[in-house]
Amino acid sequence: MWTQHSLTLDPHPRGFHLITDAVRDGVPDLDAFAVGLAHVFIQHTSASLTLNENASPDVRGDFERHMNRMVPENQPYYEHTLEGSDDMPAHIKASLMGSGLTLPIRDGDFAFGTWQGIYLCEHRDNGGPRHLVVTISGEPR
């Protein structure tokens, strides 16, 4: 069995944001799967997805601070600068973090570890709405 959904996330400020519930809510037939895989793909080049700590907001802040040190803005060697000082670093960060996640499904829900959640990694100051495609394949319940 296969299904696919398109989701639009409201704009988020720059940073790392838990979106697990938004993804879960955007896939109403998730509960129809006994076992399977969900692929979550972000259709943007300046935002990304990752799976990490879902309890402490300190982790999300630490991610943002680390990424900004690792890929700083306003570097003299950046040529792609027409869309603002945050744009080229956003592209690099998005490539480092990744554009998709493959998640296991068990008994109608994501089979996460205890402290895992889906992050939207917004790398732009004003990224706007973000679009996701969630594709699921698996066995029905």
C-alpha atoms as a PDB file:
ATOM      1  CA  MET A   1       0.000   0.000   0.000  1.00  0.00           C
ATOM      2  CA  TRP A   2       1.276   3.480  -0.899  1.00  0.00           C
ATOM      3  CA  THR A   3       0.130   6.981  -0.002  1.00  0.00           C
ATOM      4  CA  GLN A   4       1.535  10.467  -0.470  1.00  0.00           C
ATOM      5  CA  HIS A   5       0.680  13.789   1.147  1.00  0.00           C
ATOM      6  CA  SER A   6       1.818  17.368   0.595  1.00  0.00           C
ATOM      7  CA  LEU A   7       2.068  19.558   3.690  1.00  0.00           C
ATOM      8  CA  THR A   8       2.711  23.256   4.068  1.00  0.00           C
ATOM      9  CA  LEU A   9       4.316  24.387   7.300  1.00  0.00           C
ATOM     10  CA  ASP A  10       3.664  27.888   8.563  1.00  0.00           C
ATOM     11  CA  PRO A  11       6.703  30.172   8.503  1.00  0.00           C
ATOM     12  CA  HIS A  12       9.131  29.613  11.363  1.00  0.00           C
ATOM     13  CA  PRO A  13      11.881  31.932  12.536  1.00  0.00           C
ATOM     14  CA  ARG A  14      15.444  30.943  11.880  1.00  0.00           C
ATOM     15  CA  GLY A  15      16.392  27.990  14.067  1.00  0.00           C
ATOM     16  CA  PHE A  16      15.518  24.365  14.772  1.00  0.00           C
ATOM     17  CA  HIS A  17      11.840  23.579  15.381  1.00  0.00           C
ATOM     18  CA  LEU A  18      10.006  20.404  16.387  1.00  0.00           C
ATOM     19  CA  ILE A  19       7.453  19.571  13.683  1.00  0.00           C
ATOM     20  CA  THR A  20       6.646  15.959  14.579  1.00  0.00           C
ATOM     21  CA  ASP A  21       3.005  16.721  15.391  1.00  0.00           C
ATOM     22  CA  ALA A  22       2.535  18.769  12.202  1.00  0.00           C
ATOM     23  CA  VAL A  23       3.895  15.897  10.105  1.00  0.00           C
ATOM     24  CA  ARG A  24       1.803  13.336  11.985  1.00  0.00           C
ATOM     25  CA  ASP A  25      -1.334  15.512  11.586  1.00  0.00           C
ATOM     26  CA  GLY A  26      -0.594  16.004   7.897  1.00  0.00           C
ATOM     27  CA  VAL A  27      -0.726  12.268   7.244  1.00  0.00           C
ATOM     28  CA  PRO A  28      -4.213  11.255   8.427  1.00  0.00           C
ATOM     29  CA  ASP A  29      -3.896   7.720   7.067  1.00  0.00           C
ATOM     30  CA  LEU A  30      -0.700   6.979   9.028  1.00  0.00           C
ATOM     31  CA  ASP A  31      -2.792   4.893  11.424  1.00  0.00           C
ATOM     32  CA  ALA A  32      -3.780   2.603   8.536  1.00  0.00           C
ATOM     33  CA  PHE A  33      -0.270   1.104   8.401  1.00  0.00           C
ATOM     34  CA  ALA A  34       0.801  -1.861  10.514  1.00  0.00           C
ATOM     35  CA  VAL A  35       4.400  -1.648   9.348  1.00  0.00           C
ATOM     36  CA  GLY A  36       6.136   0.474   6.762  1.00  0.00           C
ATOM     37  CA  LEU A  37       8.403   3.373   5.932  1.00  0.00           C
ATOM     38  CA  ALA A  38       7.634   7.056   5.677  1.00  0.00           C
ATOM     39  CA  HIS A  39       9.868   9.322   3.659  1.00  0.00           C
ATOM     40  CA  VAL A  40       9.608  13.018   4.590  1.00  0.00           C
ATOM     41  CA  PHE A  41      11.115  15.363   1.984  1.00  0.00           C
ATOM     42  CA  ILE A  42      11.454  19.158   2.164  1.00  0.00           C
ATOM     43  CA  GLN A  43      11.099  20.940  -1.176  1.00  0.00           C
ATOM     44  CA  HIS A  44      13.562  23.736  -0.425  1.00  0.00           C
ATOM     45  CA  THR A  45      17.295  24.410  -0.707  1.00  0.00           C
ATOM     46  CA  SER A  46      17.637  26.718   2.310  1.00  0.00           C
ATOM     47  CA  ALA A  47      15.900  24.620   4.968  1.00  0.00           C
ATOM     48  CA  SER A  48      16.411  21.020   6.012  1.00  0.00           C
ATOM     49  CA  LEU A  49      15.143  18.166   8.166  1.00  0.00           C
ATOM     50  CA  THR A  50      16.745  16.099  10.874  1.00  0.00           C
ATOM     51  CA  LEU A  51      15.733  13.725  13.648  1.00  0.00           C
ATOM     52  CA  ASN A  52      16.932  14.503  17.153  1.00  0.00           C
ATOM     53  CA  GLU A  53      16.119  15.325  20.795  1.00  0.00           C
ATOM     54  CA  ASN A  54      12.438  16.124  21.318  1.00  0.00           C
ATOM     55  CA  ALA A  55      12.427  17.146  24.986  1.00  0.00           C
ATOM     56  CA  SER A  56      14.994  19.841  25.736  1.00  0.00           C
ATOM     57  CA  PRO A  57      14.786  23.102  23.778  1.00  0.00           C
ATOM     58  CA  ASP A  58      18.440  23.652  24.728  1.00  0.00           C
ATOM     59  CA  VAL A  59      19.410  21.077  22.095  1.00  0.00           C
ATOM     60  CA  ARG A  60      17.664  23.036  19.354  1.00  0.00           C
ATOM     61  CA  GLY A  61      19.395  26.250  20.447  1.00  0.00           C
ATOM     62  CA  ASP A  62      22.745  24.496  20.561  1.00  0.00           C
ATOM     63  CA  PHE A  63      22.207  23.190  17.029  1.00  0.00           C
ATOM     64  CA  GLU A  64      21.517  26.725  15.772  1.00  0.00           C
ATOM     65  CA  ARG A  65      24.545  28.230  17.522  1.00  0.00           C
ATOM     66  CA  HIS A  66      26.835  25.452  16.300  1.00  0.00           C
ATOM     67  CA  MET A  67      25.645  25.651  12.691  1.00  0.00           C
ATOM     68  CA  ASN A  68      26.150  29.435  12.683  1.00  0.00           C
ATOM     69  CA  ARG A  69      29.749  29.004  13.844  1.00  0.00           C
ATOM     70  CA  MET A  70      30.381  26.166  11.427  1.00  0.00           C
ATOM     71  CA  VAL A  71      28.887  28.045   8.435  1.00  0.00           C
ATOM     72  CA  PRO A  72      29.155  31.778   9.135  1.00  0.00           C
ATOM     73  CA  GLU A  73      27.526  34.547   7.128  1.00  0.00           C
ATOM     74  CA  ASN A  74      29.281  37.349   5.212  1.00  0.00           C
ATOM     75  CA  GLN A  75      32.278  35.363   4.063  1.00  0.00           C
ATOM     76  CA  PRO A  76      34.319  37.140   1.366  1.00  0.00           C
ATOM     77  CA  TYR A  77      34.487  34.003  -0.790  1.00  0.00           C
ATOM     78  CA  TYR A  78      30.671  33.693  -1.162  1.00  0.00           C
ATOM     79  CA  GLU A  79      29.593  34.698  -4.662  1.00  0.00           C
ATOM     80  CA  HIS A  80      25.878  33.884  -4.269  1.00  0.00           C
ATOM     81  CA  THR A  81      24.890  36.970  -2.268  1.00  0.00           C
ATOM     82  CA  LEU A  82      21.982  38.615  -4.127  1.00  0.00           C
ATOM     83  CA  GLU A  83      19.332  37.121  -1.825  1.00  0.00           C
ATOM     84  CA  GLY A  84      20.945  38.277   1.426  1.00  0.00           C
ATOM     85  CA  SER A  85      23.802  37.371   3.721  1.00  0.00           C
ATOM     86  CA  ASP A  86      21.906  34.386   5.152  1.00  0.00           C
ATOM     87  CA  ASP A  87      21.162  32.740   1.789  1.00  0.00           C
ATOM     88  CA  MET A  88      24.416  31.023   0.806  1.00  0.00           C
ATOM     89  CA  PRO A  89      25.045  29.794   4.366  1.00  0.00           C
ATOM     90  CA  ALA A  90      21.459  28.462   4.344  1.00  0.00           C
ATOM     91  CA  HIS A  91      22.185  26.431   1.203  1.00  0.00           C
ATOM     92  CA  ILE A  92      25.330  24.962   2.756  1.00  0.00           C
ATOM     93  CA  LYS A  93      23.562  24.146   6.038  1.00  0.00           C
ATOM     94  CA  ALA A  94      20.684  22.511   4.173  1.00  0.00           C
ATOM     95  CA  SER A  95      23.106  20.287   2.268  1.00  0.00           C
ATOM     96  CA  LEU A  96      24.919  19.343   5.465  1.00  0.00           C
ATOM     97  CA  MET A  97      21.712  18.518   7.364  1.00  0.00           C
ATOM     98  CA  GLY A  98      19.795  16.905   4.491  1.00  0.00           C
ATOM     99  CA  SER A  99      16.516  17.245   2.645  1.00  0.00           C
ATOM    100  CA  GLY A 100      14.819  14.027   3.703  1.00  0.00           C
ATOM    101  CA  LEU A 101      14.220  11.504   6.451  1.00  0.00           C
ATOM    102  CA  THR A 102      13.173   7.877   6.199  1.00  0.00           C
ATOM    103  CA  LEU A 103      11.217   6.855   9.278  1.00  0.00           C
ATOM    104  CA  PRO A 104       9.927   3.437  10.346  1.00  0.00           C
ATOM    105  CA  ILE A 105       6.225   2.937  10.968  1.00  0.00           C
ATOM    106  CA  ARG A 106       4.832   0.478  13.487  1.00  0.00           C
ATOM    107  CA  ASP A 107       1.196   0.026  14.544  1.00  0.00           C
ATOM    108  CA  GLY A 108      -0.059   3.220  12.904  1.00  0.00           C
ATOM    109  CA  ASP A 109       2.598   5.647  14.140  1.00  0.00           C
ATOM    110  CA  PHE A 110       6.228   6.573  13.695  1.00  0.00           C
ATOM    111  CA  ALA A 111       8.488   4.136  15.535  1.00  0.00           C
ATOM    112  CA  PHE A 112      10.719   6.759  17.141  1.00  0.00           C
ATOM    113  CA  GLY A 113      13.056   6.271  20.049  1.00  0.00           C
ATOM    114  CA  THR A 114      11.931   7.729  23.381  1.00  0.00           C
ATOM    115  CA  TRP A 115      13.511  11.174  22.880  1.00  0.00           C
ATOM    116  CA  GLN A 116      13.331  11.555  19.092  1.00  0.00           C
ATOM    117  CA  GLY A 117      11.399  14.102  17.074  1.00  0.00           C
ATOM    118  CA  ILE A 118      11.420  15.627  13.592  1.00  0.00           C
ATOM    119  CA  TYR A 119      13.086  19.030  13.282  1.00  0.00           C
ATOM    120  CA  LEU A 120      12.509  21.674  10.673  1.00  0.00           C
ATOM    121  CA  CYS A 121      15.901  23.342  10.359  1.00  0.00           C
ATOM    122  CA  GLU A 122      15.091  26.843   9.151  1.00  0.00           C
ATOM    123  CA  HIS A 123      18.327  28.383   7.932  1.00  0.00           C
ATOM    124  CA  ARG A 124      16.934  31.699   6.628  1.00  0.00           C
ATOM    125  CA  ASP A 125      15.966  34.735   8.679  1.00  0.00           C
ATOM    126  CA  ASN A 126      12.661  34.897   6.765  1.00  0.00           C
ATOM    127  CA  GLY A 127      12.242  31.549   5.047  1.00  0.00           C
ATOM    128  CA  GLY A 128       8.481  31.667   4.649  1.00  0.00           C
ATOM    129  CA  PRO A 129       6.163  28.663   4.436  1.00  0.00           C
ATOM    130  CA  ARG A 130       7.928  25.365   3.851  1.00  0.00           C
ATOM    131  CA  HIS A 131       6.554  22.504   1.773  1.00  0.00           C
ATOM    132  CA  LEU A 132       6.960  18.828   2.607  1.00  0.00           C
ATOM    133  CA  VAL A 133       6.087  15.672   0.701  1.00  0.00           C
ATOM    134  CA  VAL A 134       5.456  12.597   2.844  1.00  0.00           C
ATOM    135  CA  THR A 135       5.425   9.268   1.009  1.00  0.00           C
ATOM    136  CA  ILE A 136       4.481   6.092   2.874  1.00  0.00           C
ATOM    137  CA  SER A 137       4.695   2.482   1.808  1.00  0.00           C
ATOM    138  CA  GLY A 138       3.829  -0.484   3.933  1.00  0.00           C
ATOM    139  CA  GLU A 139       1.394  -3.150   4.996  1.00  0.00           C
ATOM    140  CA  PRO A 140      -2.106  -2.173   6.129  1.00  0.00           C
ATOM    141  CA  ARG A 141      -3.303  -2.801   9.665  1.00  0.00           C
END
